[in-house]
N, C-alpha and C. Protein backbone atom coordinates (compact mmCIF):
# COMPACT_ATOMS: atom_id res chain seq x y z
N MET A 1 1.23 -20.91 12.30
CA MET A 1 1.41 -19.62 11.66
C MET A 1 2.71 -19.59 10.85
N ARG A 2 3.80 -20.13 11.41
CA ARG A 2 5.08 -20.10 10.70
C ARG A 2 5.06 -20.98 9.46
N ILE A 3 4.35 -22.09 9.54
CA ILE A 3 4.27 -22.98 8.39
C ILE A 3 3.53 -22.28 7.25
N GLU A 4 2.46 -21.56 7.58
CA GLU A 4 1.73 -20.81 6.57
C GLU A 4 2.62 -19.73 5.94
N GLU A 5 3.40 -19.05 6.77
CA GLU A 5 4.32 -18.03 6.26
C GLU A 5 5.36 -18.67 5.36
N SER A 6 5.88 -19.82 5.77
CA SER A 6 6.88 -20.52 4.96
C SER A 6 6.30 -20.92 3.61
N LYS A 7 5.06 -21.41 3.62
CA LYS A 7 4.42 -21.79 2.36
C LYS A 7 4.23 -20.58 1.46
N SER A 8 3.85 -19.46 2.05
CA SER A 8 3.67 -18.23 1.29
C SER A 8 4.98 -17.78 0.68
N ILE A 9 6.04 -17.79 1.47
CA ILE A 9 7.36 -17.39 0.99
C ILE A 9 7.84 -18.35 -0.09
N GLU A 10 7.64 -19.63 0.14
CA GLU A 10 8.05 -20.64 -0.84
C GLU A 10 7.34 -20.41 -2.17
N GLY A 11 6.06 -20.09 -2.11
CA GLY A 11 5.30 -19.81 -3.33
C GLY A 11 5.83 -18.60 -4.07
N LYS A 12 6.15 -17.56 -3.33
CA LYS A 12 6.69 -16.34 -3.94
C LYS A 12 8.05 -16.60 -4.58
N ILE A 13 8.89 -17.35 -3.89
CA ILE A 13 10.22 -17.67 -4.43
C ILE A 13 10.07 -18.50 -5.69
N SER A 14 9.16 -19.45 -5.68
CA SER A 14 8.93 -20.26 -6.88
C SER A 14 8.48 -19.40 -8.05
N GLN A 15 7.64 -18.40 -7.77
CA GLN A 15 7.20 -17.48 -8.83
C GLN A 15 8.39 -16.69 -9.38
N TYR A 16 9.26 -16.21 -8.48
CA TYR A 16 10.44 -15.46 -8.93
C TYR A 16 11.34 -16.33 -9.78
N VAL A 17 11.58 -17.57 -9.34
CA VAL A 17 12.43 -18.48 -10.10
C VAL A 17 11.83 -18.70 -11.49
N SER A 18 10.54 -18.95 -11.54
CA SER A 18 9.87 -19.19 -12.81
C SER A 18 9.96 -17.96 -13.71
N THR A 19 9.72 -16.78 -13.15
CA THR A 19 9.76 -15.54 -13.93
C THR A 19 11.16 -15.29 -14.48
N TYR A 20 12.17 -15.41 -13.64
CA TYR A 20 13.53 -15.15 -14.10
C TYR A 20 14.01 -16.22 -15.08
N THR A 21 13.55 -17.44 -14.91
CA THR A 21 13.90 -18.50 -15.86
C THR A 21 13.30 -18.19 -17.23
N LYS A 22 12.03 -17.78 -17.24
CA LYS A 22 11.38 -17.42 -18.51
C LYS A 22 12.08 -16.22 -19.14
N LEU A 23 12.43 -15.23 -18.34
CA LEU A 23 13.14 -14.06 -18.84
C LEU A 23 14.47 -14.47 -19.47
N HIS A 24 15.19 -15.31 -18.77
CA HIS A 24 16.49 -15.77 -19.26
C HIS A 24 16.33 -16.51 -20.59
N GLU A 25 15.34 -17.38 -20.68
CA GLU A 25 15.12 -18.13 -21.92
C GLU A 25 14.76 -17.18 -23.06
N ALA A 26 13.93 -16.19 -22.78
CA ALA A 26 13.55 -15.21 -23.81
C ALA A 26 14.77 -14.41 -24.27
N GLU A 27 15.63 -14.03 -23.33
CA GLU A 27 16.84 -13.29 -23.70
C GLU A 27 17.76 -14.15 -24.55
N LYS A 28 17.89 -15.43 -24.21
CA LYS A 28 18.73 -16.33 -25.00
C LYS A 28 18.21 -16.46 -26.42
N LYS A 29 16.88 -16.60 -26.56
CA LYS A 29 16.28 -16.71 -27.89
C LYS A 29 16.53 -15.44 -28.69
N MET A 30 16.32 -14.30 -28.03
CA MET A 30 16.49 -13.02 -28.71
C MET A 30 17.94 -12.87 -29.19
N CYS A 31 18.88 -13.21 -28.34
CA CYS A 31 20.29 -13.05 -28.70
C CYS A 31 20.70 -14.02 -29.80
N SER A 32 20.17 -15.24 -29.77
CA SER A 32 20.57 -16.23 -30.76
C SER A 32 19.92 -15.97 -32.12
N LYS A 33 18.78 -15.29 -32.14
CA LYS A 33 18.06 -15.05 -33.38
C LYS A 33 18.33 -13.66 -33.97
N ARG A 34 19.22 -12.94 -33.40
CA ARG A 34 19.43 -11.59 -33.91
C ARG A 34 19.91 -11.64 -35.36
N VAL A 35 19.32 -10.82 -36.15
CA VAL A 35 19.61 -10.81 -37.57
C VAL A 35 20.82 -9.91 -37.85
N ARG A 36 20.89 -8.82 -37.17
CA ARG A 36 22.01 -7.90 -37.37
C ARG A 36 22.41 -7.31 -36.04
N GLN A 37 23.63 -6.92 -35.94
CA GLN A 37 24.15 -6.29 -34.73
C GLN A 37 23.60 -4.87 -34.63
N ASN A 38 23.14 -4.54 -33.47
CA ASN A 38 22.79 -3.14 -33.21
C ASN A 38 22.98 -2.88 -31.72
N PRO A 39 23.06 -1.64 -31.32
CA PRO A 39 23.35 -1.32 -29.91
C PRO A 39 22.35 -1.91 -28.92
N TYR A 40 21.08 -1.98 -29.30
CA TYR A 40 20.07 -2.49 -28.38
C TYR A 40 20.25 -4.00 -28.15
N THR A 41 20.49 -4.73 -29.20
CA THR A 41 20.71 -6.17 -29.06
C THR A 41 21.95 -6.44 -28.21
N ASN A 42 23.01 -5.71 -28.46
CA ASN A 42 24.23 -5.89 -27.68
C ASN A 42 23.98 -5.61 -26.20
N PHE A 43 23.19 -4.59 -25.91
CA PHE A 43 22.89 -4.24 -24.53
C PHE A 43 22.20 -5.41 -23.82
N PHE A 44 21.18 -5.99 -24.44
CA PHE A 44 20.44 -7.08 -23.81
C PHE A 44 21.29 -8.34 -23.70
N CYS A 45 22.09 -8.63 -24.70
CA CYS A 45 22.91 -9.84 -24.68
C CYS A 45 24.00 -9.77 -23.61
N ARG A 46 24.51 -8.59 -23.35
CA ARG A 46 25.53 -8.46 -22.30
C ARG A 46 24.93 -8.71 -20.93
N GLY A 47 23.64 -8.46 -20.74
CA GLY A 47 22.99 -8.66 -19.45
C GLY A 47 22.64 -10.11 -19.16
N GLU A 48 22.87 -10.99 -20.10
CA GLU A 48 22.49 -12.40 -19.95
C GLU A 48 23.16 -13.05 -18.74
N GLY A 49 24.42 -12.78 -18.51
CA GLY A 49 25.13 -13.36 -17.37
C GLY A 49 24.54 -12.90 -16.04
N LYS A 50 24.10 -11.65 -16.00
CA LYS A 50 23.51 -11.11 -14.78
C LYS A 50 22.21 -11.87 -14.45
N THR A 51 21.41 -12.14 -15.45
CA THR A 51 20.16 -12.87 -15.23
C THR A 51 20.45 -14.27 -14.68
N GLU A 52 21.46 -14.94 -15.23
CA GLU A 52 21.81 -16.27 -14.73
C GLU A 52 22.23 -16.20 -13.27
N ASP A 53 22.97 -15.17 -12.91
CA ASP A 53 23.38 -15.01 -11.51
C ASP A 53 22.17 -14.79 -10.61
N GLU A 54 21.20 -14.00 -11.08
CA GLU A 54 19.99 -13.75 -10.30
C GLU A 54 19.20 -15.04 -10.11
N ILE A 55 19.10 -15.84 -11.16
CA ILE A 55 18.38 -17.12 -11.07
C ILE A 55 19.06 -18.03 -10.06
N ASP A 56 20.39 -18.12 -10.13
CA ASP A 56 21.14 -18.95 -9.19
C ASP A 56 20.93 -18.47 -7.76
N HIS A 57 20.92 -17.15 -7.57
CA HIS A 57 20.72 -16.59 -6.22
C HIS A 57 19.34 -16.95 -5.69
N ILE A 58 18.33 -16.80 -6.52
CA ILE A 58 16.96 -17.11 -6.09
C ILE A 58 16.80 -18.60 -5.82
N LYS A 59 17.43 -19.44 -6.64
CA LYS A 59 17.37 -20.88 -6.38
C LYS A 59 18.05 -21.22 -5.05
N GLY A 60 19.13 -20.51 -4.74
CA GLY A 60 19.80 -20.70 -3.45
C GLY A 60 18.89 -20.32 -2.30
N LEU A 61 18.17 -19.20 -2.46
CA LEU A 61 17.22 -18.78 -1.43
C LEU A 61 16.11 -19.81 -1.25
N GLU A 62 15.65 -20.36 -2.36
CA GLU A 62 14.61 -21.38 -2.29
C GLU A 62 15.10 -22.61 -1.53
N GLU A 63 16.34 -22.99 -1.78
CA GLU A 63 16.94 -24.14 -1.09
C GLU A 63 17.02 -23.88 0.42
N ILE A 64 17.44 -22.69 0.80
CA ILE A 64 17.51 -22.31 2.22
C ILE A 64 16.13 -22.36 2.84
N LEU A 65 15.14 -21.83 2.13
CA LEU A 65 13.77 -21.84 2.64
C LEU A 65 13.27 -23.26 2.87
N LEU A 66 13.55 -24.15 1.92
CA LEU A 66 13.10 -25.53 2.07
C LEU A 66 13.77 -26.20 3.27
N LYS A 67 15.05 -25.91 3.49
CA LYS A 67 15.74 -26.48 4.65
C LYS A 67 15.13 -25.96 5.95
N LYS A 68 14.85 -24.66 6.01
CA LYS A 68 14.26 -24.07 7.21
C LYS A 68 12.85 -24.60 7.44
N LYS A 69 12.12 -24.79 6.36
CA LYS A 69 10.77 -25.32 6.47
C LYS A 69 10.81 -26.74 7.05
N TYR A 70 11.74 -27.55 6.56
CA TYR A 70 11.90 -28.91 7.05
C TYR A 70 12.28 -28.89 8.53
N GLU A 71 13.20 -27.99 8.88
CA GLU A 71 13.64 -27.86 10.28
C GLU A 71 12.47 -27.46 11.18
N LEU A 72 11.67 -26.51 10.72
CA LEU A 72 10.51 -26.05 11.49
C LEU A 72 9.50 -27.19 11.66
N LYS A 73 9.28 -27.93 10.61
CA LYS A 73 8.34 -29.05 10.68
C LYS A 73 8.85 -30.09 11.66
N ARG A 74 10.15 -30.37 11.63
CA ARG A 74 10.74 -31.34 12.52
C ARG A 74 10.62 -30.90 13.98
N LYS A 75 10.84 -29.59 14.22
CA LYS A 75 10.72 -29.07 15.58
C LYS A 75 9.28 -29.15 16.08
N LYS A 76 8.34 -28.90 15.18
CA LYS A 76 6.94 -28.93 15.56
C LYS A 76 6.50 -30.34 15.92
N ILE A 77 7.03 -31.34 15.24
CA ILE A 77 6.69 -32.73 15.50
C ILE A 77 7.40 -33.28 16.74
N SER A 78 8.55 -32.73 17.04
CA SER A 78 9.39 -33.21 18.14
C SER A 78 8.63 -33.20 19.47
N PRO A 79 8.74 -34.28 20.26
CA PRO A 79 8.06 -34.34 21.56
C PRO A 79 8.68 -33.41 22.61
N MET A 80 9.80 -32.82 22.32
CA MET A 80 10.48 -31.93 23.27
C MET A 80 9.77 -30.59 23.41
N ASN A 81 8.84 -30.26 22.49
CA ASN A 81 8.14 -28.96 22.53
C ASN A 81 7.19 -28.86 23.65
């Protein structure tokens, strides 16, 4: 049951990482291609750092999940159970 839950969580985290990565790339393109300065463009470009922080946070969560999944798998295989 826990392995199934871990796989489900891992899948969701991977989706979040993918979504935020795509969002970040789209924001970078939008900011680099801006033709003229306007308040809306400035607003989105200032948020770029926040998106990078969110991506880093989610990648950190994914790393923790993978470590816990490995630990759970190791415990399940262990003859001490």
